[in-house]
């Protein structure tokens, strides 16, 4: 699960990137702004010869730069937030070898210890 006591996040970096309030807000705003920008851009490109306020807005260099920046941030955060999750889930994805099975037992013992102390 993404939140709660029983999750697959093993590192504090992964918890901060995926469950931290700041990163979730930054990622959410970047995705929303990028979505609105790209949707408007598609609409402007389909408008043809008609000129309205959206075409005038998309002619502004600052607006275009801000929109593409939000797209870049959203894509970068998707990758940055996803890689640690894959790394933390690696033991669940790849069949365990002898050394990783030992590591899995250690992780399981730690989580049982934490649950018994609560």
PDB file of N, CA and C in Angstrom:
ATOM      1  N   UNK A   1       0.836  -1.179   0.000  1.00  0.00           N
ATOM      2  CA  UNK A   1       0.000   0.000   0.000  1.00  0.00           C
ATOM      3  C   UNK A   1       0.881   1.242   0.000  1.00  0.00           C
ATOM      4  N   UNK A   2       0.320   2.345  -0.389  1.00  0.00           N
ATOM      5  CA  UNK A   2       1.092   3.590  -0.457  1.00  0.00           C
ATOM      6  C   UNK A   2       1.288   4.213   0.921  1.00  0.00           C
ATOM      7  N   UNK A   3       0.323   4.031   1.813  1.00  0.00           N
ATOM      8  CA  UNK A   3       0.402   4.651   3.136  1.00  0.00           C
ATOM      9  C   UNK A   3       0.113   3.609   4.206  1.00  0.00           C
ATOM     10  N   UNK A   4       0.315   3.984   5.428  1.00  0.00           N
ATOM     11  CA  UNK A   4       0.024   3.083   6.532  1.00  0.00           C
ATOM     12  C   UNK A   4       1.249   2.326   6.988  1.00  0.00           C
ATOM     13  N   UNK A   5       1.036   1.450   7.956  1.00  0.00           N
ATOM     14  CA  UNK A   5       2.143   0.706   8.545  1.00  0.00           C
ATOM     15  C   UNK A   5       2.686  -0.371   7.619  1.00  0.00           C
ATOM     16  N   UNK A   6       1.828  -1.026   6.886  1.00  0.00           N
ATOM     17  CA  UNK A   6       2.265  -2.117   6.016  1.00  0.00           C
ATOM     18  C   UNK A   6       2.434  -1.596   4.593  1.00  0.00           C
ATOM     19  N   UNK A   7       3.565  -0.968   4.339  1.00  0.00           N
ATOM     20  CA  UNK A   7       3.861  -0.518   2.985  1.00  0.00           C
ATOM     21  C   UNK A   7       5.224  -1.049   2.579  1.00  0.00           C
ATOM     22  N   UNK A   8       5.546  -0.928   1.308  1.00  0.00           N
ATOM     23  CA  UNK A   8       6.796  -1.494   0.816  1.00  0.00           C
ATOM     24  C   UNK A   8       7.936  -0.490   0.811  1.00  0.00           C
ATOM     25  N   UNK A   9       7.713   0.712   1.284  1.00  0.00           N
ATOM     26  CA  UNK A   9       8.769   1.717   1.313  1.00  0.00           C
ATOM     27  C   UNK A   9       9.777   1.384   2.402  1.00  0.00           C
ATOM     28  N   UNK A  10      11.030   1.204   1.991  1.00  0.00           N
ATOM     29  CA  UNK A  10      12.059   0.832   2.949  1.00  0.00           C
ATOM     30  C   UNK A  10      12.959   2.004   3.324  1.00  0.00           C
ATOM     31  N   UNK A  11      13.021   3.025   2.495  1.00  0.00           N
ATOM     32  CA  UNK A  11      13.942   4.126   2.783  1.00  0.00           C
ATOM     33  C   UNK A  11      13.173   5.404   3.085  1.00  0.00           C
ATOM     34  N   UNK A  12      13.802   6.270   3.840  1.00  0.00           N
ATOM     35  CA  UNK A  12      13.175   7.553   4.159  1.00  0.00           C
ATOM     36  C   UNK A  12      13.077   8.430   2.915  1.00  0.00           C
ATOM     37  N   UNK A  13      14.019   8.269   1.976  1.00  0.00           N
ATOM     38  CA  UNK A  13      13.951   9.019   0.723  1.00  0.00           C
ATOM     39  C   UNK A  13      12.694   8.650  -0.053  1.00  0.00           C
ATOM     40  N   UNK A  14      12.396   7.362  -0.138  1.00  0.00           N
ATOM     41  CA  UNK A  14      11.193   6.926  -0.848  1.00  0.00           C
ATOM     42  C   UNK A  14       9.942   7.445  -0.159  1.00  0.00           C
ATOM     43  N   UNK A  15       9.926   7.402   1.163  1.00  0.00           N
ATOM     44  CA  UNK A  15       8.765   7.926   1.892  1.00  0.00           C
ATOM     45  C   UNK A  15       8.583   9.411   1.624  1.00  0.00           C
ATOM     46  N   UNK A  16       9.679  10.175   1.613  1.00  0.00           N
ATOM     47  CA  UNK A  16       9.581  11.620   1.371  1.00  0.00           C
ATOM     48  C   UNK A  16       9.120  11.899  -0.052  1.00  0.00           C
ATOM     49  N   UNK A  17       9.672  11.164  -1.034  1.00  0.00           N
ATOM     50  CA  UNK A  17       9.322  11.404  -2.429  1.00  0.00           C
ATOM     51  C   UNK A  17       7.891  11.008  -2.759  1.00  0.00           C
ATOM     52  N   UNK A  18       7.394   9.955  -2.157  1.00  0.00           N
ATOM     53  CA  UNK A  18       6.077   9.450  -2.536  1.00  0.00           C
ATOM     54  C   UNK A  18       4.960   9.821  -1.565  1.00  0.00           C
ATOM     55  N   UNK A  19       5.264   9.958  -0.299  1.00  0.00           N
ATOM     56  CA  UNK A  19       4.212  10.210   0.687  1.00  0.00           C
ATOM     57  C   UNK A  19       4.330  11.569   1.360  1.00  0.00           C
ATOM     58  N   UNK A  20       5.427  12.285   1.127  1.00  0.00           N
ATOM     59  CA  UNK A  20       5.602  13.598   1.751  1.00  0.00           C
ATOM     60  C   UNK A  20       4.611  14.608   1.207  1.00  0.00           C
ATOM     61  N   UNK A  21       4.063  15.400   2.081  1.00  0.00           N
ATOM     62  CA  UNK A  21       3.035  16.372   1.695  1.00  0.00           C
ATOM     63  C   UNK A  21       3.554  17.352   0.639  1.00  0.00           C
ATOM     64  N   UNK A  22       4.785  17.846   0.811  1.00  0.00           N
ATOM     65  CA  UNK A  22       5.347  18.810  -0.143  1.00  0.00           C
ATOM     66  C   UNK A  22       5.479  18.188  -1.532  1.00  0.00           C
ATOM     67  N   UNK A  23       6.057  16.983  -1.607  1.00  0.00           N
ATOM     68  CA  UNK A  23       6.265  16.361  -2.913  1.00  0.00           C
ATOM     69  C   UNK A  23       4.944  15.986  -3.575  1.00  0.00           C
ATOM     70  N   UNK A  24       3.983  15.526  -2.807  1.00  0.00           N
ATOM     71  CA  UNK A  24       2.674  15.205  -3.380  1.00  0.00           C
ATOM     72  C   UNK A  24       2.005  16.452  -3.931  1.00  0.00           C
ATOM     73  N   UNK A  25       2.119  17.572  -3.202  1.00  0.00           N
ATOM     74  CA  UNK A  25       1.521  18.825  -3.676  1.00  0.00           C
ATOM     75  C   UNK A  25       2.239  19.330  -4.927  1.00  0.00           C
ATOM     76  N   UNK A  26       3.564  19.322  -4.907  1.00  0.00           N
ATOM     77  CA  UNK A  26       4.336  19.777  -6.070  1.00  0.00           C
ATOM     78  C   UNK A  26       4.001  18.944  -7.297  1.00  0.00           C
ATOM     79  N   UNK A  27       3.957  17.649  -7.130  1.00  0.00           N
ATOM     80  CA  UNK A  27       3.646  16.746  -8.231  1.00  0.00           C
ATOM     81  C   UNK A  27       2.215  16.970  -8.741  1.00  0.00           C
ATOM     82  N   UNK A  28       1.293  17.121  -7.839  1.00  0.00           N
ATOM     83  CA  UNK A  28      -0.104  17.352  -8.231  1.00  0.00           C
ATOM     84  C   UNK A  28      -0.288  18.654  -8.989  1.00  0.00           C
ATOM     85  N   UNK A  29       0.307  19.730  -8.493  1.00  0.00           N
ATOM     86  CA  UNK A  29       0.196  21.021  -9.186  1.00  0.00           C
ATOM     87  C   UNK A  29       0.890  20.982 -10.535  1.00  0.00           C
ATOM     88  N   UNK A  30       2.065  20.370 -10.608  1.00  0.00           N
ATOM     89  CA  UNK A  30       2.788  20.283 -11.882  1.00  0.00           C
ATOM     90  C   UNK A  30       1.973  19.515 -12.910  1.00  0.00           C
ATOM     91  N   UNK A  31       1.366  18.403 -12.492  1.00  0.00           N
ATOM     92  CA  UNK A  31       0.541  17.619 -13.419  1.00  0.00           C
ATOM     93  C   UNK A  31      -0.687  18.403 -13.862  1.00  0.00           C
ATOM     94  N   UNK A  32      -1.337  19.098 -12.939  1.00  0.00           N
ATOM     95  CA  UNK A  32      -2.541  19.857 -13.288  1.00  0.00           C
ATOM     96  C   UNK A  32      -2.222  20.991 -14.260  1.00  0.00           C
ATOM     97  N   UNK A  33      -1.163  21.737 -13.976  1.00  0.00           N
ATOM     98  CA  UNK A  33      -0.783  22.846 -14.856  1.00  0.00           C
ATOM     99  C   UNK A  33      -0.375  22.308 -16.222  1.00  0.00           C
ATOM    100  N   UNK A  34       0.390  21.224 -16.245  1.00  0.00           N
ATOM    101  CA  UNK A  34       0.816  20.627 -17.516  1.00  0.00           C
ATOM    102  C   UNK A  34      -0.386  20.147 -18.324  1.00  0.00           C
ATOM    103  N   UNK A  35      -1.348  19.530 -17.661  1.00  0.00           N
ATOM    104  CA  UNK A  35      -2.540  19.036 -18.348  1.00  0.00           C
ATOM    105  C   UNK A  35      -3.327  20.187 -18.967  1.00  0.00           C
ATOM    106  N   UNK A  36      -3.534  21.248 -18.208  1.00  0.00           N
ATOM    107  CA  UNK A  36      -4.282  22.408 -18.726  1.00  0.00           C
ATOM    108  C   UNK A  36      -3.521  23.041 -19.891  1.00  0.00           C
ATOM    109  N   UNK A  37      -2.203  23.181 -19.737  1.00  0.00           N
ATOM    110  CA  UNK A  37      -1.391  23.781 -20.797  1.00  0.00           C
ATOM    111  C   UNK A  37      -1.460  22.952 -22.076  1.00  0.00           C
ATOM    112  N   UNK A  38      -1.254  21.640 -21.958  1.00  0.00           N
ATOM    113  CA  UNK A  38      -1.254  20.789 -23.149  1.00  0.00           C
ATOM    114  C   UNK A  38      -2.639  20.697 -23.791  1.00  0.00           C
ATOM    115  N   UNK A  39      -3.683  20.699 -22.985  1.00  0.00           N
ATOM    116  CA  UNK A  39      -5.042  20.680 -23.525  1.00  0.00           C
ATOM    117  C   UNK A  39      -5.326  21.967 -24.287  1.00  0.00           C
ATOM    118  N   UNK A  40      -4.937  23.092 -23.698  1.00  0.00           N
ATOM    119  CA  UNK A  40      -5.111  24.379 -24.389  1.00  0.00           C
ATOM    120  C   UNK A  40      -4.294  24.454 -25.661  1.00  0.00           C
ATOM    121  N   UNK A  41      -3.082  23.936 -25.624  1.00  0.00           N
ATOM    122  CA  UNK A  41      -2.224  23.937 -26.808  1.00  0.00           C
ATOM    123  C   UNK A  41      -2.846  23.120 -27.937  1.00  0.00           C
ATOM    124  N   UNK A  42      -3.417  21.976 -27.593  1.00  0.00           N
ATOM    125  CA  UNK A  42      -4.102  21.166 -28.608  1.00  0.00           C
ATOM    126  C   UNK A  42      -5.289  21.925 -29.181  1.00  0.00           C
ATOM    127  N   UNK A  43      -6.023  22.633 -28.324  1.00  0.00           N
ATOM    128  CA  UNK A  43      -7.162  23.417 -28.792  1.00  0.00           C
ATOM    129  C   UNK A  43      -6.741  24.557 -29.700  1.00  0.00           C
ATOM    130  N   UNK A  44      -5.666  25.225 -29.353  1.00  0.00           N
ATOM    131  CA  UNK A  44      -5.162  26.330 -30.176  1.00  0.00           C
ATOM    132  C   UNK A  44      -4.711  25.802 -31.532  1.00  0.00           C
ATOM    133  N   UNK A  45      -4.043  24.657 -31.539  1.00  0.00           N
ATOM    134  CA  UNK A  45      -3.581  24.088 -32.798  1.00  0.00           C
ATOM    135  C   UNK A  45      -4.723  23.631 -33.688  1.00  0.00           C
ATOM    136  N   UNK A  46      -5.865  23.275 -33.092  1.00  0.00           N
ATOM    137  CA  UNK A  46      -7.020  22.834 -33.875  1.00  0.00           C
ATOM    138  C   UNK A  46      -7.900  23.998 -34.313  1.00  0.00           C
ATOM    139  N   UNK A  47      -7.682  25.178 -33.752  1.00  0.00           N
ATOM    140  CA  UNK A  47      -8.562  26.316 -34.021  1.00  0.00           C
ATOM    141  C   UNK A  47      -8.438  26.834 -35.449  1.00  0.00           C
ATOM    142  N   UNK A  48      -7.306  26.635 -36.068  1.00  0.00           N
ATOM    143  CA  UNK A  48      -7.140  27.110 -37.444  1.00  0.00           C
ATOM    144  C   UNK A  48      -6.892  28.604 -37.486  1.00  0.00           C
ATOM    145  N   UNK A  49      -7.653  29.301 -38.331  1.00  0.00           N
ATOM    146  CA  UNK A  49      -7.431  30.731 -38.550  1.00  0.00           C
ATOM    147  C   UNK A  49      -8.128  31.624 -37.533  1.00  0.00           C
ATOM    148  N   UNK A  50      -9.011  31.083 -36.739  1.00  0.00           N
ATOM    149  CA  UNK A  50      -9.723  31.916 -35.763  1.00  0.00           C
ATOM    150  C   UNK A  50      -8.759  32.376 -34.676  1.00  0.00           C
ATOM    151  N   UNK A  51      -8.926  33.592 -34.235  1.00  0.00           N
ATOM    152  CA  UNK A  51      -8.068  34.159 -33.192  1.00  0.00           C
ATOM    153  C   UNK A  51      -8.947  34.538 -32.008  1.00  0.00           C
ATOM    154  N   UNK A  52      -8.629  33.998 -30.866  1.00  0.00           N
ATOM    155  CA  UNK A  52      -9.347  34.307 -29.637  1.00  0.00           C
ATOM    156  C   UNK A  52      -8.359  34.596 -28.533  1.00  0.00           C
ATOM    157  N   UNK A  53      -8.856  34.648 -27.309  1.00  0.00           N
ATOM    158  CA  UNK A  53      -7.966  34.969 -26.192  1.00  0.00           C
ATOM    159  C   UNK A  53      -6.965  33.851 -25.923  1.00  0.00           C
ATOM    160  N   UNK A  54      -7.355  32.600 -26.230  1.00  0.00           N
ATOM    161  CA  UNK A  54      -6.402  31.511 -25.989  1.00  0.00           C
ATOM    162  C   UNK A  54      -5.229  31.569 -26.961  1.00  0.00           C
ATOM    163  N   UNK A  55      -5.489  31.912 -28.208  1.00  0.00           N
ATOM    164  CA  UNK A  55      -4.399  32.044 -29.164  1.00  0.00           C
ATOM    165  C   UNK A  55      -3.462  33.167 -28.762  1.00  0.00           C
ATOM    166  N   UNK A  56      -4.054  34.280 -28.290  1.00  0.00           N
ATOM    167  CA  UNK A  56      -3.242  35.412 -27.826  1.00  0.00           C
ATOM    168  C   UNK A  56      -2.400  35.005 -26.624  1.00  0.00           C
ATOM    169  N   UNK A  57      -2.980  34.230 -25.726  1.00  0.00           N
ATOM    170  CA  UNK A  57      -2.245  33.765 -24.547  1.00  0.00           C
ATOM    171  C   UNK A  57      -1.094  32.847 -24.947  1.00  0.00           C
ATOM    172  N   UNK A  58      -1.359  31.933 -25.858  1.00  0.00           N
ATOM    173  CA  UNK A  58      -0.313  30.990 -26.271  1.00  0.00           C
ATOM    174  C   UNK A  58       0.758  31.641 -27.146  1.00  0.00           C
ATOM    175  N   UNK A  59       0.508  32.841 -27.655  1.00  0.00           N
ATOM    176  CA  UNK A  59       1.534  33.600 -28.377  1.00  0.00           C
ATOM    177  C   UNK A  59       2.537  34.239 -27.428  1.00  0.00           C
ATOM    178  N   UNK A  60       2.184  34.326 -26.141  1.00  0.00           N
ATOM    179  CA  UNK A  60       3.081  34.933 -25.145  1.00  0.00           C
ATOM    180  C   UNK A  60       4.220  33.973 -24.830  1.00  0.00           C
ATOM    181  N   UNK A  61       5.438  34.428 -24.983  1.00  0.00           N
ATOM    182  CA  UNK A  61       6.614  33.572 -24.766  1.00  0.00           C
ATOM    183  C   UNK A  61       6.689  33.088 -23.317  1.00  0.00           C
ATOM    184  N   UNK A  62       6.381  33.938 -22.344  1.00  0.00           N
ATOM    185  CA  UNK A  62       6.465  33.555 -20.931  1.00  0.00           C
ATOM    186  C   UNK A  62       5.476  32.434 -20.617  1.00  0.00           C
ATOM    187  N   UNK A  63       4.285  32.499 -21.242  1.00  0.00           N
ATOM    188  CA  UNK A  63       3.271  31.473 -20.977  1.00  0.00           C
ATOM    189  C   UNK A  63       3.707  30.133 -21.562  1.00  0.00           C
ATOM    190  N   UNK A  64       4.263  30.182 -22.762  1.00  0.00           N
ATOM    191  CA  UNK A  64       4.750  28.958 -23.389  1.00  0.00           C
ATOM    192  C   UNK A  64       5.891  28.340 -22.575  1.00  0.00           C
ATOM    193  N   UNK A  65       6.823  29.170 -22.114  1.00  0.00           N
ATOM    194  CA  UNK A  65       7.929  28.662 -21.297  1.00  0.00           C
ATOM    195  C   UNK A  65       7.438  28.068 -19.979  1.00  0.00           C
ATOM    196  N   UNK A  66       6.510  28.767 -19.323  1.00  0.00           N
ATOM    197  CA  UNK A  66       5.960  28.270 -18.055  1.00  0.00           C
ATOM    198  C   UNK A  66       5.210  26.951 -18.268  1.00  0.00           C
ATOM    199  N   UNK A  67       4.479  26.853 -19.358  1.00  0.00           N
ATOM    200  CA  UNK A  67       3.743  25.626 -19.648  1.00  0.00           C
ATOM    201  C   UNK A  67       4.664  24.454 -19.915  1.00  0.00           C
ATOM    202  N   UNK A  68       5.674  24.651 -20.747  1.00  0.00           N
ATOM    203  CA  UNK A  68       6.606  23.556 -21.037  1.00  0.00           C
ATOM    204  C   UNK A  68       7.450  23.214 -19.824  1.00  0.00           C
ATOM    205  N   UNK A  69       7.737  24.212 -18.988  1.00  0.00           N
ATOM    206  CA  UNK A  69       8.460  23.934 -17.744  1.00  0.00           C
ATOM    207  C   UNK A  69       7.634  23.028 -16.837  1.00  0.00           C
ATOM    208  N   UNK A  70       6.338  23.304 -16.735  1.00  0.00           N
ATOM    209  CA  UNK A  70       5.478  22.450 -15.896  1.00  0.00           C
ATOM    210  C   UNK A  70       5.386  21.034 -16.469  1.00  0.00           C
ATOM    211  N   UNK A  71       5.364  20.908 -17.783  1.00  0.00           N
ATOM    212  CA  UNK A  71       5.361  19.578 -18.406  1.00  0.00           C
ATOM    213  C   UNK A  71       6.659  18.847 -18.055  1.00  0.00           C
ATOM    214  N   UNK A  72       7.783  19.545 -18.172  1.00  0.00           N
ATOM    215  CA  UNK A  72       9.073  18.937 -17.845  1.00  0.00           C
ATOM    216  C   UNK A  72       9.169  18.527 -16.389  1.00  0.00           C
ATOM    217  N   UNK A  73       8.676  19.386 -15.498  1.00  0.00           N
ATOM    218  CA  UNK A  73       8.698  19.068 -14.069  1.00  0.00           C
ATOM    219  C   UNK A  73       7.826  17.850 -13.776  1.00  0.00           C
ATOM    220  N   UNK A  74       6.651  17.789 -14.387  1.00  0.00           N
ATOM    221  CA  UNK A  74       5.750  16.654 -14.161  1.00  0.00           C
ATOM    222  C   UNK A  74       6.383  15.351 -14.636  1.00  0.00           C
ATOM    223  N   UNK A  75       7.010  15.374 -15.809  1.00  0.00           N
ATOM    224  CA  UNK A  75       7.658  14.166 -16.333  1.00  0.00           C
ATOM    225  C   UNK A  75       8.845  13.774 -15.447  1.00  0.00           C
ATOM    226  N   UNK A  76       9.661  14.766 -15.069  1.00  0.00           N
ATOM    227  CA  UNK A  76      10.828  14.475 -14.221  1.00  0.00           C
ATOM    228  C   UNK A  76      10.401  13.907 -12.876  1.00  0.00           C
ATOM    229  N   UNK A  77       9.369  14.486 -12.263  1.00  0.00           N
ATOM    230  CA  UNK A  77       8.904  13.984 -10.970  1.00  0.00           C
ATOM    231  C   UNK A  77       8.313  12.586 -11.087  1.00  0.00           C
ATOM    232  N   UNK A  78       7.687  12.283 -12.210  1.00  0.00           N
ATOM    233  CA  UNK A  78       7.170  10.937 -12.419  1.00  0.00           C
ATOM    234  C   UNK A  78       8.314   9.928 -12.368  1.00  0.00           C
ATOM    235  N   UNK A  79       9.402  10.247 -13.037  1.00  0.00           N
ATOM    236  CA  UNK A  79      10.558   9.353 -13.058  1.00  0.00           C
ATOM    237  C   UNK A  79      11.252   9.334 -11.695  1.00  0.00           C
ATOM    238  N   UNK A  80      11.480  10.517 -11.127  1.00  0.00           N
ATOM    239  CA  UNK A  80      12.191  10.617  -9.847  1.00  0.00           C
ATOM    240  C   UNK A  80      11.425   9.913  -8.735  1.00  0.00           C
ATOM    241  N   UNK A  81      10.104  10.017  -8.744  1.00  0.00           N
ATOM    242  CA  UNK A  81       9.303   9.374  -7.706  1.00  0.00           C
ATOM    243  C   UNK A  81       9.128   7.882  -7.970  1.00  0.00           C
ATOM    244  N   UNK A  82       9.202   7.468  -9.230  1.00  0.00           N
ATOM    245  CA  UNK A  82       8.981   6.069  -9.566  1.00  0.00           C
ATOM    246  C   UNK A  82      10.181   5.167  -9.353  1.00  0.00           C
ATOM    247  N   UNK A  83      11.371   5.673  -9.614  1.00  0.00           N
ATOM    248  CA  UNK A  83      12.563   4.831  -9.483  1.00  0.00           C
ATOM    249  C   UNK A  83      12.787   4.293  -8.069  1.00  0.00           C
ATOM    250  N   UNK A  84      12.681   5.103  -7.020  1.00  0.00           N
ATOM    251  CA  UNK A  84      12.848   4.541  -5.675  1.00  0.00           C
ATOM    252  C   UNK A  84      11.772   3.519  -5.313  1.00  0.00           C
ATOM    253  N   UNK A  85      10.576   3.686  -5.835  1.00  0.00           N
ATOM    254  CA  UNK A  85       9.508   2.713  -5.571  1.00  0.00           C
ATOM    255  C   UNK A  85       9.868   1.371  -6.198  1.00  0.00           C
ATOM    256  N   UNK A  86      10.368   1.411  -7.427  1.00  0.00           N
ATOM    257  CA  UNK A  86      10.799   0.167  -8.079  1.00  0.00           C
ATOM    258  C   UNK A  86      11.957  -0.454  -7.307  1.00  0.00           C
ATOM    259  N   UNK A  87      12.892   0.372  -6.876  1.00  0.00           N
ATOM    260  CA  UNK A  87      14.028  -0.140  -6.107  1.00  0.00           C
ATOM    261  C   UNK A  87      13.566  -0.802  -4.810  1.00  0.00           C
ATOM    262  N   UNK A  88      12.662  -0.139  -4.088  1.00  0.00           N
ATOM    263  CA  UNK A  88      12.160  -0.700  -2.828  1.00  0.00           C
ATOM    264  C   UNK A  88      11.329  -1.959  -3.055  1.00  0.00           C
ATOM    265  N   UNK A  89      10.682  -2.058  -4.210  1.00  0.00           N
ATOM    266  CA  UNK A  89       9.839  -3.218  -4.500  1.00  0.00           C
ATOM    267  C   UNK A  89      10.613  -4.338  -5.180  1.00  0.00           C
ATOM    268  N   UNK A  90      11.898  -4.147  -5.390  1.00  0.00           N
ATOM    269  CA  UNK A  90      12.683  -5.127  -6.138  1.00  0.00           C
ATOM    270  C   UNK A  90      12.585  -6.538  -5.546  1.00  0.00           C
ATOM    271  N   UNK A  91      12.573  -6.625  -4.226  1.00  0.00           N
ATOM    272  CA  UNK A  91      12.479  -7.943  -3.595  1.00  0.00           C
ATOM    273  C   UNK A  91      11.134  -8.614  -3.865  1.00  0.00           C
ATOM    274  N   UNK A  92      10.122  -7.829  -4.151  1.00  0.00           N
ATOM    275  CA  UNK A  92       8.817  -8.395  -4.478  1.00  0.00           C
ATOM    276  C   UNK A  92       8.714  -8.756  -5.957  1.00  0.00           C
ATOM    277  N   UNK A  93       9.555  -8.127  -6.792  1.00  0.00           N
ATOM    278  CA  UNK A  93       9.489  -8.336  -8.238  1.00  0.00           C
ATOM    279  C   UNK A  93      10.350  -9.514  -8.677  1.00  0.00           C
ATOM    280  N   UNK A  94      11.581  -9.563  -8.186  1.00  0.00           N
ATOM    281  CA  UNK A  94      12.560 -10.561  -8.621  1.00  0.00           C
ATOM    282  C   UNK A  94      12.517 -11.752  -7.670  1.00  0.00           C
ATOM    283  N   UNK A  95      12.516 -12.966  -8.205  1.00  0.00           N
ATOM    284  CA  UNK A  95      12.558 -14.137  -7.321  1.00  0.00           C
ATOM    285  C   UNK A  95      13.816 -14.094  -6.450  1.00  0.00           C
ATOM    286  N   UNK A  96      13.690 -14.414  -5.177  1.00  0.00           N
ATOM    287  CA  UNK A  96      14.825 -14.283  -4.278  1.00  0.00           C
ATOM    288  C   UNK A  96      15.922 -15.313  -4.566  1.00  0.00           C
ATOM    289  N   UNK A  97      17.151 -14.842  -4.464  1.00  0.00           N
ATOM    290  CA  UNK A  97      18.304 -15.735  -4.485  1.00  0.00           C
ATOM    291  C   UNK A  97      18.664 -16.001  -3.032  1.00  0.00           C
ATOM    292  N   UNK A  98      19.707 -16.719  -2.801  1.00  0.00           N
ATOM    293  CA  UNK A  98      20.098 -17.046  -1.424  1.00  0.00           C
ATOM    294  C   UNK A  98      20.386 -15.784  -0.618  1.00  0.00           C
ATOM    295  N   UNK A  99      21.143 -14.832  -1.192  1.00  0.00           N
ATOM    296  CA  UNK A  99      21.487 -13.623  -0.439  1.00  0.00           C
ATOM    297  C   UNK A  99      20.273 -12.721  -0.259  1.00  0.00           C
ATOM    298  N   UNK A 100      19.417 -12.606  -1.305  1.00  0.00           N
ATOM    299  CA  UNK A 100      18.241 -11.751  -1.153  1.00  0.00           C
ATOM    300  C   UNK A 100      17.194 -12.394  -0.249  1.00  0.00           C
ATOM    301  N   UNK A 101      17.138 -13.717  -0.191  1.00  0.00           N
ATOM    302  CA  UNK A 101      16.217 -14.388   0.723  1.00  0.00           C
ATOM    303  C   UNK A 101      16.619 -14.099   2.161  1.00  0.00           C
ATOM    304  N   UNK A 102      17.926 -14.073   2.419  1.00  0.00           N
ATOM    305  CA  UNK A 102      18.411 -13.738   3.755  1.00  0.00           C
ATOM    306  C   UNK A 102      18.038 -12.294   4.098  1.00  0.00           C
ATOM    307  N   UNK A 103      18.199 -11.392   3.125  1.00  0.00           N
ATOM    308  CA  UNK A 103      17.827  -9.989   3.353  1.00  0.00           C
ATOM    309  C   UNK A 103      16.329  -9.871   3.614  1.00  0.00           C
ATOM    310  N   UNK A 104      15.525 -10.629   2.892  1.00  0.00           N
ATOM    311  CA  UNK A 104      14.069 -10.617   3.082  1.00  0.00           C
ATOM    312  C   UNK A 104      13.698 -11.089   4.484  1.00  0.00           C
ATOM    313  N   UNK A 105      14.386 -12.102   4.993  1.00  0.00           N
ATOM    314  CA  UNK A 105      14.125 -12.574   6.356  1.00  0.00           C
ATOM    315  C   UNK A 105      14.473 -11.488   7.369  1.00  0.00           C
ATOM    316  N   UNK A 106      15.563 -10.775   7.132  1.00  0.00           N
ATOM    317  CA  UNK A 106      15.966  -9.690   8.041  1.00  0.00           C
ATOM    318  C   UNK A 106      14.924  -8.584   8.033  1.00  0.00           C
ATOM    319  N   UNK A 107      14.455  -8.211   6.847  1.00  0.00           N
ATOM    320  CA  UNK A 107      13.431  -7.160   6.743  1.00  0.00           C
ATOM    321  C   UNK A 107      12.149  -7.610   7.425  1.00  0.00           C
ATOM    322  N   UNK A 108      11.758  -8.869   7.219  1.00  0.00           N
ATOM    323  CA  UNK A 108      10.554  -9.392   7.862  1.00  0.00           C
ATOM    324  C   UNK A 108      10.678  -9.405   9.370  1.00  0.00           C
ATOM    325  N   UNK A 109      11.860  -9.763   9.869  1.00  0.00           N
ATOM    326  CA  UNK A 109      12.076  -9.783  11.317  1.00  0.00           C
ATOM    327  C   UNK A 109      11.987  -8.376  11.893  1.00  0.00           C
ATOM    328  N   UNK A 110      12.536  -7.412  11.182  1.00  0.00           N
ATOM    329  CA  UNK A 110      12.468  -6.012  11.652  1.00  0.00           C
ATOM    330  C   UNK A 110      11.029  -5.517  11.703  1.00  0.00           C
ATOM    331  N   UNK A 111      10.246  -5.826  10.666  1.00  0.00           N
ATOM    332  CA  UNK A 111       8.864  -5.362  10.658  1.00  0.00           C
ATOM    333  C   UNK A 111       8.053  -6.054  11.760  1.00  0.00           C
ATOM    334  N   UNK A 112       8.327  -7.342  12.028  1.00  0.00           N
ATOM    335  CA  UNK A 112       7.626  -8.014  13.121  1.00  0.00           C
ATOM    336  C   UNK A 112       7.999  -7.411  14.460  1.00  0.00           C
ATOM    337  N   UNK A 113       9.284  -7.055  14.624  1.00  0.00           N
ATOM    338  CA  UNK A 113       9.725  -6.410  15.861  1.00  0.00           C
ATOM    339  C   UNK A 113       9.036  -5.076  16.059  1.00  0.00           C
ATOM    340  N   UNK A 114       8.915  -4.307  14.970  1.00  0.00           N
ATOM    341  CA  UNK A 114       8.255  -3.014  15.065  1.00  0.00           C
ATOM    342  C   UNK A 114       6.794  -3.177  15.433  1.00  0.00           C
ATOM    343  N   UNK A 115       6.136  -4.172  14.870  1.00  0.00           N
ATOM    344  CA  UNK A 115       4.716  -4.384  15.156  1.00  0.00           C
ATOM    345  C   UNK A 115       4.520  -4.867  16.592  1.00  0.00           C
ATOM    346  N   UNK A 116       5.441  -5.667  17.105  1.00  0.00           N
ATOM    347  CA  UNK A 116       5.285  -6.184  18.466  1.00  0.00           C
ATOM    348  C   UNK A 116       5.536  -5.104  19.511  1.00  0.00           C
ATOM    349  N   UNK A 117       6.319  -4.072  19.148  1.00  0.00           N
ATOM    350  CA  UNK A 117       6.592  -2.978  20.096  1.00  0.00           C
ATOM    351  C   UNK A 117       5.489  -1.943  20.128  1.00  0.00           C
ATOM    352  N   UNK A 118       4.532  -2.044  19.211  1.00  0.00           N
ATOM    353  CA  UNK A 118       3.467  -1.021  19.171  1.00  0.00           C
ATOM    354  C   UNK A 118       2.288  -1.404  19.986  1.00  0.00           C
TER     355      UNK A 118
END
